[in-house]
N, C-alpha and C. Protein backbone atom coordinates (compact mmCIF):
# COMPACT_ATOMS: atom_id res chain seq x y z
N MET A 1 149.71 127.12 56.91
CA MET A 1 150.39 127.73 55.78
C MET A 1 149.67 127.33 54.49
N VAL A 2 149.38 128.28 53.68
CA VAL A 2 148.77 128.05 52.38
C VAL A 2 149.89 127.67 51.42
N ASN A 3 149.58 127.21 50.22
CA ASN A 3 150.61 126.79 49.27
C ASN A 3 151.38 127.94 48.65
N THR A 4 151.71 128.90 49.45
CA THR A 4 152.50 130.04 48.99
C THR A 4 153.75 130.22 49.84
N GLY A 5 153.83 129.51 50.95
CA GLY A 5 154.92 129.69 51.88
C GLY A 5 154.62 130.74 52.93
N TYR A 6 153.53 131.47 52.76
CA TYR A 6 153.13 132.49 53.73
C TYR A 6 152.20 131.89 54.76
N ASP A 7 152.39 132.25 56.02
CA ASP A 7 151.43 131.83 57.04
C ASP A 7 150.31 132.88 57.11
N GLU A 8 149.29 132.59 57.90
CA GLU A 8 148.12 133.47 57.99
C GLU A 8 148.49 134.89 58.42
N LEU A 9 149.39 135.00 59.38
CA LEU A 9 149.82 136.30 59.87
C LEU A 9 150.47 137.12 58.75
N LYS A 10 151.36 136.48 57.99
CA LYS A 10 152.04 137.18 56.89
C LYS A 10 151.05 137.58 55.80
N ILE A 11 150.10 136.72 55.51
CA ILE A 11 149.08 137.06 54.50
C ILE A 11 148.29 138.28 54.94
N GLN A 12 147.90 138.33 56.20
CA GLN A 12 147.17 139.49 56.71
C GLN A 12 148.01 140.76 56.62
N GLU A 13 149.30 140.64 56.90
CA GLU A 13 150.22 141.77 56.80
C GLU A 13 150.31 142.26 55.34
N LEU A 14 150.41 141.33 54.41
CA LEU A 14 150.48 141.69 52.99
C LEU A 14 149.19 142.37 52.52
N ILE A 15 148.06 141.91 53.03
CA ILE A 15 146.78 142.53 52.69
C ILE A 15 146.75 143.96 53.19
N LYS A 16 147.17 144.17 54.44
CA LYS A 16 147.19 145.52 55.01
C LYS A 16 148.12 146.44 54.23
N GLN A 17 149.23 145.88 53.73
CA GLN A 17 150.19 146.66 52.96
C GLN A 17 149.71 146.89 51.52
N LYS A 18 148.63 146.22 51.16
CA LYS A 18 148.07 146.31 49.80
C LYS A 18 149.12 146.01 48.73
N VAL A 19 149.85 144.89 48.95
CA VAL A 19 150.86 144.51 47.97
C VAL A 19 150.18 144.07 46.68
N THR A 20 150.89 144.23 45.59
CA THR A 20 150.38 143.80 44.29
C THR A 20 150.57 142.30 44.14
N PHE A 21 149.91 141.70 43.14
CA PHE A 21 150.13 140.29 42.86
C PHE A 21 151.60 140.04 42.53
N GLU A 22 152.21 140.99 41.83
CA GLU A 22 153.61 140.84 41.47
C GLU A 22 154.49 140.74 42.72
N GLU A 23 154.25 141.62 43.69
CA GLU A 23 155.01 141.58 44.94
C GLU A 23 154.73 140.29 45.71
N PHE A 24 153.46 139.89 45.75
CA PHE A 24 153.05 138.69 46.46
C PHE A 24 153.79 137.46 45.92
N PHE A 25 153.79 137.30 44.60
CA PHE A 25 154.39 136.11 44.00
C PHE A 25 155.91 136.19 43.93
N LYS A 26 156.47 137.38 44.03
CA LYS A 26 157.93 137.52 43.99
C LYS A 26 158.58 136.72 45.12
N TYR A 27 157.95 136.70 46.28
CA TYR A 27 158.52 136.02 47.44
C TYR A 27 157.76 134.75 47.83
N ALA A 28 156.73 134.42 47.08
CA ALA A 28 155.95 133.22 47.39
C ALA A 28 156.77 131.98 47.07
N GLU A 29 156.54 130.95 47.82
CA GLU A 29 157.20 129.65 47.60
C GLU A 29 156.13 128.69 47.11
N LEU A 30 155.91 128.67 45.81
CA LEU A 30 154.90 127.77 45.26
C LEU A 30 155.41 126.33 45.28
N ASN A 31 154.47 125.42 45.34
CA ASN A 31 154.81 124.01 45.30
C ASN A 31 155.64 123.74 44.05
N PRO A 32 156.71 122.96 44.15
CA PRO A 32 157.55 122.71 42.99
C PRO A 32 156.81 122.03 41.83
N ASN A 33 155.68 121.41 42.12
CA ASN A 33 154.88 120.77 41.07
C ASN A 33 153.76 121.66 40.55
N ALA A 34 153.73 122.92 40.97
CA ALA A 34 152.66 123.82 40.53
C ALA A 34 152.60 123.92 39.01
N HIS A 35 153.76 123.85 38.36
CA HIS A 35 153.79 123.95 36.90
C HIS A 35 153.08 122.78 36.22
N LEU A 36 152.78 121.72 36.97
CA LEU A 36 152.09 120.57 36.41
C LEU A 36 150.57 120.72 36.46
N ILE A 37 150.08 121.78 37.09
CA ILE A 37 148.64 122.02 37.14
C ILE A 37 148.17 122.31 35.72
N LYS A 38 147.20 121.56 35.27
CA LYS A 38 146.67 121.70 33.91
C LYS A 38 145.19 122.01 33.99
N GLY A 39 144.65 122.48 32.90
CA GLY A 39 143.22 122.69 32.83
C GLY A 39 142.85 124.10 32.42
N VAL A 40 141.56 124.34 32.45
CA VAL A 40 141.02 125.62 32.01
C VAL A 40 140.48 126.37 33.21
N ILE A 41 140.83 127.63 33.30
CA ILE A 41 140.28 128.51 34.32
C ILE A 41 140.00 129.85 33.66
N CYS A 42 138.83 130.36 33.84
CA CYS A 42 138.42 131.62 33.23
C CYS A 42 138.59 131.59 31.71
N GLY A 43 138.41 130.43 31.12
CA GLY A 43 138.47 130.30 29.67
C GLY A 43 139.86 130.15 29.08
N TYR A 44 140.88 130.08 29.91
CA TYR A 44 142.26 129.96 29.43
C TYR A 44 142.88 128.65 29.91
N ARG A 45 143.62 127.98 29.05
CA ARG A 45 144.37 126.80 29.45
C ARG A 45 145.60 127.26 30.22
N ILE A 46 145.70 126.84 31.47
CA ILE A 46 146.77 127.29 32.35
C ILE A 46 148.15 127.02 31.74
N GLU A 47 148.31 125.83 31.18
CA GLU A 47 149.62 125.45 30.67
C GLU A 47 150.04 126.23 29.42
N GLU A 48 149.12 126.98 28.82
CA GLU A 48 149.43 127.77 27.62
C GLU A 48 149.64 129.25 27.91
N ILE A 49 149.54 129.65 29.16
CA ILE A 49 149.72 131.06 29.52
C ILE A 49 151.22 131.38 29.54
N ASP A 50 151.61 132.38 28.76
CA ASP A 50 153.03 132.75 28.64
C ASP A 50 153.52 133.68 29.75
N ASN A 51 152.66 134.54 30.23
CA ASN A 51 153.05 135.50 31.26
C ASN A 51 153.14 134.77 32.60
N THR A 52 154.34 134.74 33.19
CA THR A 52 154.58 133.99 34.42
C THR A 52 153.67 134.43 35.56
N LEU A 53 153.51 135.73 35.75
CA LEU A 53 152.67 136.23 36.84
C LEU A 53 151.21 135.79 36.64
N THR A 54 150.70 135.95 35.44
CA THR A 54 149.33 135.54 35.14
C THR A 54 149.17 134.04 35.37
N GLN A 55 150.15 133.27 34.96
CA GLN A 55 150.08 131.83 35.15
C GLN A 55 150.08 131.47 36.64
N GLN A 56 150.89 132.14 37.43
CA GLN A 56 150.92 131.87 38.87
C GLN A 56 149.57 132.19 39.52
N VAL A 57 148.97 133.29 39.13
CA VAL A 57 147.65 133.65 39.66
C VAL A 57 146.63 132.58 39.28
N ARG A 58 146.69 132.12 38.04
CA ARG A 58 145.76 131.09 37.57
C ARG A 58 146.01 129.75 38.25
N PHE A 59 147.29 129.45 38.62
CA PHE A 59 147.54 128.24 39.40
C PHE A 59 146.71 128.27 40.68
N LEU A 60 146.76 129.40 41.37
CA LEU A 60 146.00 129.51 42.63
C LEU A 60 144.50 129.49 42.38
N ASP A 61 144.06 130.14 41.29
CA ASP A 61 142.64 130.09 40.93
C ASP A 61 142.19 128.64 40.75
N LYS A 62 142.97 127.90 40.00
CA LYS A 62 142.63 126.50 39.71
C LYS A 62 142.67 125.66 40.98
N LEU A 63 143.65 125.90 41.82
CA LEU A 63 143.76 125.18 43.07
C LEU A 63 142.53 125.40 43.94
N VAL A 64 142.14 126.64 44.11
CA VAL A 64 140.95 126.96 44.91
C VAL A 64 139.70 126.34 44.29
N ASP A 65 139.58 126.44 42.97
CA ASP A 65 138.43 125.88 42.26
C ASP A 65 138.34 124.37 42.48
N GLU A 66 139.46 123.68 42.32
CA GLU A 66 139.46 122.22 42.48
C GLU A 66 139.22 121.81 43.93
N LEU A 67 139.80 122.53 44.88
CA LEU A 67 139.55 122.22 46.30
C LEU A 67 138.08 122.42 46.64
N ALA A 68 137.48 123.46 46.08
CA ALA A 68 136.05 123.73 46.33
C ALA A 68 135.18 122.60 45.77
N LYS A 69 135.67 121.93 44.75
CA LYS A 69 134.93 120.80 44.16
C LYS A 69 135.17 119.50 44.94
N GLY A 70 136.03 119.57 45.96
CA GLY A 70 136.28 118.40 46.79
C GLY A 70 137.45 117.54 46.35
N ARG A 71 138.20 117.97 45.36
CA ARG A 71 139.37 117.20 44.92
C ARG A 71 140.49 117.32 45.95
N LYS A 72 141.25 116.28 46.09
CA LYS A 72 142.36 116.26 47.04
C LYS A 72 143.58 116.95 46.44
N MET A 73 144.37 117.57 47.32
CA MET A 73 145.57 118.30 46.90
C MET A 73 146.50 117.42 46.07
N GLU A 74 146.64 116.15 46.45
CA GLU A 74 147.54 115.24 45.74
C GLU A 74 147.12 115.05 44.28
N LYS A 75 145.84 115.09 44.03
CA LYS A 75 145.34 114.93 42.66
C LYS A 75 145.58 116.20 41.84
N ILE A 76 145.48 117.34 42.49
CA ILE A 76 145.65 118.61 41.79
C ILE A 76 147.13 118.86 41.49
N LEU A 77 147.97 118.66 42.49
CA LEU A 77 149.43 118.85 42.32
C LEU A 77 150.03 117.51 41.97
N ARG A 78 149.85 117.12 40.73
CA ARG A 78 150.31 115.82 40.25
C ARG A 78 151.83 115.71 40.40
N ASN A 79 152.28 114.50 40.67
CA ASN A 79 153.73 114.32 40.62
C ASN A 79 154.12 114.01 39.19
N GLU A 80 155.35 114.27 38.83
CA GLU A 80 155.79 114.22 37.44
C GLU A 80 155.71 112.83 36.84
N LYS A 81 155.59 111.78 37.63
CA LYS A 81 155.55 110.41 37.11
C LYS A 81 154.19 110.05 36.54
N THR A 82 153.13 110.83 36.84
CA THR A 82 151.80 110.50 36.35
C THR A 82 151.41 111.37 35.21
């Protein structure tokens, strides 16, 4: 399961249905700490994005970017105490 609550089978089904990002995120179960993801992606500070859908897409962009750099999930999805 990816950090959306969807398993691989469901993701493939959504791709075949050509769902929009809006539909995808409407039912996604993002990590409760996703709002703590900070930083810049595509030239925008994630924490300053006002549009919820755009911010959710950028959360996943940042997550993929950081994982590709070898950072651990725990470091990316900070807990609120740090």
